[in-house]
Amino acid sequence: SLRATAHNYHVPYPRLHARFQNRPSKVGHPSTNKLLNEKQATALRLYIKRCNDLGFSALPHIIHDAATYILKSSNPDTATPIKPLGRDWVQRWL
């Protein structure tokens, strides 16, 4: 039985059952909580670097606004609003 096999091999039963049902592992699965793609993240990093080079501090609210601008400018469907950045998005992104 599946339960006995899980017990013998010290594997959680729900995990073994999921694999038996052909549900893939979450390891290697792309994360779904990233709002910026690599190109957009690079653009934001370059903006922060430019602010530093010009002697301006890139404060969290400035980074938040810049990221929002980047997301809005790369959204081809203006009828569909972009998903707003969360309150702590900047701290998690940095």
N, C-alpha and C. Protein backbone atom coordinates (compact mmCIF):
# COMPACT_ATOMS: atom_id res chain seq x y z
N SER A 1 0.84 -1.19 0.00
CA SER A 1 0.00 0.00 0.00
C SER A 1 0.88 1.25 0.00
N LEU A 2 0.30 2.31 -0.43
CA LEU A 2 1.03 3.58 -0.51
C LEU A 2 1.43 4.09 0.87
N ARG A 3 0.52 3.95 1.82
CA ARG A 3 0.81 4.42 3.18
C ARG A 3 1.96 3.65 3.81
N ALA A 4 1.98 2.34 3.62
CA ALA A 4 3.06 1.52 4.17
C ALA A 4 4.39 1.85 3.51
N THR A 5 4.37 2.07 2.21
CA THR A 5 5.59 2.43 1.49
C THR A 5 6.13 3.77 1.98
N ALA A 6 5.24 4.72 2.17
CA ALA A 6 5.65 6.03 2.69
C ALA A 6 6.28 5.88 4.07
N HIS A 7 5.70 5.03 4.89
CA HIS A 7 6.23 4.80 6.24
C HIS A 7 7.60 4.12 6.18
N ASN A 8 7.74 3.11 5.33
CA ASN A 8 9.00 2.36 5.22
C ASN A 8 10.16 3.23 4.74
N TYR A 9 9.88 4.16 3.84
CA TYR A 9 10.94 5.00 3.27
C TYR A 9 11.01 6.39 3.90
N HIS A 10 10.25 6.60 4.97
CA HIS A 10 10.26 7.86 5.72
C HIS A 10 9.96 9.05 4.80
N VAL A 11 8.93 8.88 4.00
CA VAL A 11 8.47 9.93 3.08
C VAL A 11 7.06 10.32 3.50
N PRO A 12 6.75 11.61 3.55
CA PRO A 12 5.38 12.00 3.91
C PRO A 12 4.36 11.41 2.92
N TYR A 13 3.31 10.84 3.46
CA TYR A 13 2.30 10.20 2.62
C TYR A 13 1.72 11.16 1.58
N PRO A 14 1.36 12.41 1.94
CA PRO A 14 0.79 13.30 0.91
C PRO A 14 1.74 13.53 -0.27
N ARG A 15 3.03 13.58 0.01
CA ARG A 15 4.00 13.78 -1.08
C ARG A 15 4.03 12.56 -2.00
N LEU A 16 4.09 11.37 -1.41
CA LEU A 16 4.12 10.15 -2.21
C LEU A 16 2.82 10.00 -3.01
N HIS A 17 1.71 10.33 -2.39
CA HIS A 17 0.42 10.25 -3.08
C HIS A 17 0.39 11.22 -4.25
N ALA A 18 0.91 12.43 -4.06
CA ALA A 18 0.94 13.42 -5.14
C ALA A 18 1.79 12.93 -6.31
N ARG A 19 2.95 12.33 -6.02
CA ARG A 19 3.80 11.81 -7.10
C ARG A 19 3.11 10.65 -7.82
N PHE A 20 2.39 9.83 -7.06
CA PHE A 20 1.65 8.71 -7.64
C PHE A 20 0.56 9.22 -8.58
N GLN A 21 0.02 10.40 -8.28
CA GLN A 21 -1.01 11.02 -9.12
C GLN A 21 -0.40 11.86 -10.25
N ASN A 22 0.92 11.73 -10.46
CA ASN A 22 1.66 12.45 -11.50
C ASN A 22 1.72 13.96 -11.28
N ARG A 23 1.64 14.40 -10.03
CA ARG A 23 1.81 15.81 -9.73
C ARG A 23 3.31 16.06 -9.54
N PRO A 24 3.90 16.99 -10.30
CA PRO A 24 5.36 17.19 -10.22
C PRO A 24 5.78 17.86 -8.92
N SER A 25 7.05 17.73 -8.64
CA SER A 25 7.64 18.35 -7.46
C SER A 25 7.68 19.86 -7.65
N LYS A 26 7.68 20.60 -6.55
CA LYS A 26 7.78 22.06 -6.63
C LYS A 26 9.22 22.53 -6.80
N VAL A 27 10.17 21.63 -6.59
CA VAL A 27 11.57 21.96 -6.78
C VAL A 27 11.81 22.17 -8.27
N GLY A 28 12.44 23.26 -8.60
CA GLY A 28 12.70 23.56 -10.00
C GLY A 28 11.54 24.25 -10.69
N HIS A 29 10.43 24.41 -9.99
CA HIS A 29 9.26 25.09 -10.54
C HIS A 29 9.52 26.59 -10.50
N PRO A 30 9.25 27.32 -11.57
CA PRO A 30 9.52 28.76 -11.54
C PRO A 30 8.64 29.45 -10.50
N SER A 31 9.21 30.42 -9.82
CA SER A 31 8.45 31.12 -8.79
C SER A 31 7.38 31.99 -9.45
N THR A 32 6.30 32.18 -8.73
CA THR A 32 5.18 32.95 -9.28
C THR A 32 5.04 34.31 -8.63
N ASN A 33 5.94 34.63 -7.72
CA ASN A 33 5.80 35.89 -7.00
C ASN A 33 6.73 36.98 -7.52
N LYS A 34 7.26 36.81 -8.71
CA LYS A 34 8.15 37.82 -9.27
C LYS A 34 7.38 38.67 -10.26
N LEU A 35 7.26 39.95 -9.96
CA LEU A 35 6.53 40.84 -10.85
C LEU A 35 7.41 41.36 -11.98
N LEU A 36 8.69 41.55 -11.71
CA LEU A 36 9.60 42.05 -12.73
C LEU A 36 10.32 40.90 -13.40
N ASN A 37 10.42 40.95 -14.72
CA ASN A 37 11.25 39.95 -15.39
C ASN A 37 12.71 40.43 -15.33
N GLU A 38 13.63 39.66 -15.87
CA GLU A 38 15.06 40.00 -15.76
C GLU A 38 15.38 41.34 -16.42
N LYS A 39 14.79 41.59 -17.57
CA LYS A 39 15.05 42.84 -18.29
C LYS A 39 14.56 44.04 -17.47
N GLN A 40 13.39 43.92 -16.87
CA GLN A 40 12.83 45.00 -16.06
C GLN A 40 13.65 45.20 -14.78
N ALA A 41 14.08 44.10 -14.17
CA ALA A 41 14.90 44.20 -12.96
C ALA A 41 16.23 44.87 -13.27
N THR A 42 16.80 44.55 -14.43
CA THR A 42 18.06 45.19 -14.84
C THR A 42 17.85 46.68 -15.05
N ALA A 43 16.74 47.05 -15.66
CA ALA A 43 16.43 48.47 -15.87
C ALA A 43 16.30 49.19 -14.53
N LEU A 44 15.67 48.55 -13.56
CA LEU A 44 15.52 49.17 -12.24
C LEU A 44 16.87 49.30 -11.54
N ARG A 45 17.72 48.28 -11.67
CA ARG A 45 19.07 48.37 -11.08
C ARG A 45 19.87 49.50 -11.71
N LEU A 46 19.77 49.65 -13.03
CA LEU A 46 20.48 50.74 -13.72
C LEU A 46 19.96 52.10 -13.27
N TYR A 47 18.65 52.20 -13.04
CA TYR A 47 18.07 53.45 -12.55
C TYR A 47 18.62 53.79 -11.16
N ILE A 48 18.69 52.79 -10.30
CA ILE A 48 19.21 53.01 -8.94
C ILE A 48 20.68 53.42 -9.01
N LYS A 49 21.45 52.77 -9.88
CA LYS A 49 22.86 53.11 -10.05
C LYS A 49 23.01 54.54 -10.56
N ARG A 50 22.17 54.92 -11.52
CA ARG A 50 22.24 56.28 -12.05
C ARG A 50 21.91 57.31 -10.97
N CYS A 51 20.90 57.02 -10.15
CA CYS A 51 20.58 57.93 -9.04
C CYS A 51 21.79 58.09 -8.13
N ASN A 52 22.45 56.98 -7.79
CA ASN A 52 23.64 57.04 -6.94
C ASN A 52 24.75 57.84 -7.60
N ASP A 53 24.97 57.61 -8.90
CA ASP A 53 26.02 58.33 -9.63
C ASP A 53 25.76 59.83 -9.65
N LEU A 54 24.48 60.23 -9.66
CA LEU A 54 24.13 61.65 -9.68
C LEU A 54 24.07 62.24 -8.27
N GLY A 55 24.27 61.41 -7.26
CA GLY A 55 24.28 61.90 -5.88
C GLY A 55 22.92 61.92 -5.21
N PHE A 56 21.94 61.27 -5.80
CA PHE A 56 20.61 61.19 -5.20
C PHE A 56 20.44 59.85 -4.51
N SER A 57 19.79 59.87 -3.38
CA SER A 57 19.50 58.61 -2.68
C SER A 57 18.27 57.97 -3.31
N ALA A 58 18.39 56.71 -3.65
CA ALA A 58 17.25 55.97 -4.19
C ALA A 58 16.46 55.42 -3.00
N LEU A 59 15.58 56.24 -2.48
CA LEU A 59 14.77 55.85 -1.32
C LEU A 59 13.73 54.81 -1.73
N PRO A 60 13.25 54.04 -0.77
CA PRO A 60 12.29 52.98 -1.10
C PRO A 60 11.08 53.45 -1.91
N HIS A 61 10.52 54.62 -1.57
CA HIS A 61 9.34 55.06 -2.31
C HIS A 61 9.70 55.45 -3.75
N ILE A 62 10.93 55.90 -3.98
CA ILE A 62 11.38 56.23 -5.33
C ILE A 62 11.56 54.95 -6.14
N ILE A 63 12.14 53.93 -5.51
CA ILE A 63 12.32 52.63 -6.18
C ILE A 63 10.95 52.02 -6.51
N HIS A 64 10.02 52.13 -5.57
CA HIS A 64 8.66 51.62 -5.76
C HIS A 64 8.01 52.31 -6.96
N ASP A 65 8.12 53.64 -7.02
CA ASP A 65 7.52 54.39 -8.13
C ASP A 65 8.18 54.04 -9.46
N ALA A 66 9.51 53.87 -9.44
CA ALA A 66 10.23 53.52 -10.67
C ALA A 66 9.81 52.13 -11.16
N ALA A 67 9.68 51.19 -10.24
CA ALA A 67 9.26 49.83 -10.62
C ALA A 67 7.84 49.85 -11.18
N THR A 68 6.97 50.63 -10.56
CA THR A 68 5.60 50.75 -11.06
C THR A 68 5.59 51.34 -12.46
N TYR A 69 6.42 52.36 -12.69
CA TYR A 69 6.52 52.97 -14.02
C TYR A 69 7.02 51.95 -15.05
N ILE A 70 8.03 51.19 -14.68
CA ILE A 70 8.57 50.17 -15.59
C ILE A 70 7.50 49.14 -15.94
N LEU A 71 6.75 48.70 -14.93
CA LEU A 71 5.69 47.72 -15.19
C LEU A 71 4.60 48.30 -16.09
N LYS A 72 4.20 49.55 -15.81
CA LYS A 72 3.14 50.17 -16.62
C LYS A 72 3.61 50.39 -18.05
N SER A 73 4.86 50.81 -18.22
CA SER A 73 5.34 51.10 -19.57
C SER A 73 5.55 49.83 -20.40
N SER A 74 5.70 48.70 -19.74
CA SER A 74 5.90 47.45 -20.48
C SER A 74 4.61 46.65 -20.62
N ASN A 75 3.49 47.21 -20.18
CA ASN A 75 2.20 46.53 -20.28
C ASN A 75 1.53 46.93 -21.60
N PRO A 76 1.49 46.04 -22.58
CA PRO A 76 0.90 46.41 -23.88
C PRO A 76 -0.62 46.57 -23.83
N ASP A 77 -1.26 45.92 -22.87
CA ASP A 77 -2.71 45.98 -22.76
C ASP A 77 -3.09 47.02 -21.72
N THR A 78 -3.36 48.25 -22.17
CA THR A 78 -3.67 49.32 -21.22
C THR A 78 -5.04 49.16 -20.59
N ALA A 79 -5.89 48.31 -21.18
CA ALA A 79 -7.22 48.08 -20.60
C ALA A 79 -7.13 47.24 -19.34
N THR A 80 -6.09 46.40 -19.25
CA THR A 80 -5.90 45.55 -18.08
C THR A 80 -4.89 46.21 -17.16
N PRO A 81 -5.29 46.58 -15.95
CA PRO A 81 -4.33 47.23 -15.05
C PRO A 81 -3.27 46.24 -14.57
N ILE A 82 -2.10 46.78 -14.25
CA ILE A 82 -1.03 45.93 -13.73
C ILE A 82 -1.33 45.57 -12.29
N LYS A 83 -0.75 44.48 -11.84
CA LYS A 83 -0.89 44.08 -10.44
C LYS A 83 -0.05 45.05 -9.61
N PRO A 84 -0.66 45.71 -8.62
CA PRO A 84 0.10 46.70 -7.85
C PRO A 84 1.19 46.05 -6.99
N LEU A 85 2.25 46.79 -6.80
CA LEU A 85 3.33 46.32 -5.94
C LEU A 85 2.87 46.42 -4.49
N GLY A 86 3.24 45.45 -3.70
CA GLY A 86 2.87 45.45 -2.30
C GLY A 86 3.64 46.47 -1.48
N ARG A 87 3.19 46.69 -0.28
CA ARG A 87 3.80 47.68 0.60
C ARG A 87 5.27 47.37 0.88
N ASP A 88 5.61 46.10 1.04
CA ASP A 88 6.98 45.70 1.38
C ASP A 88 7.75 45.16 0.17
N TRP A 89 7.25 45.43 -1.03
CA TRP A 89 7.89 44.88 -2.22
C TRP A 89 9.34 45.31 -2.34
N VAL A 90 9.63 46.57 -2.11
CA VAL A 90 11.01 47.08 -2.28
C VAL A 90 11.97 46.36 -1.33
N GLN A 91 11.60 46.20 -0.07
CA GLN A 91 12.47 45.53 0.89
C GLN A 91 12.73 44.08 0.48
N ARG A 92 11.72 43.40 -0.04
CA ARG A 92 11.90 42.02 -0.47
C ARG A 92 12.75 41.95 -1.74
N TRP A 93 12.56 42.92 -2.64
CA TRP A 93 13.31 42.92 -3.90
C TRP A 93 14.79 43.20 -3.67
N LEU A 94 15.06 44.12 -2.75
CA LEU A 94 16.46 44.46 -2.47
C LEU A 94 17.12 43.30 -1.77
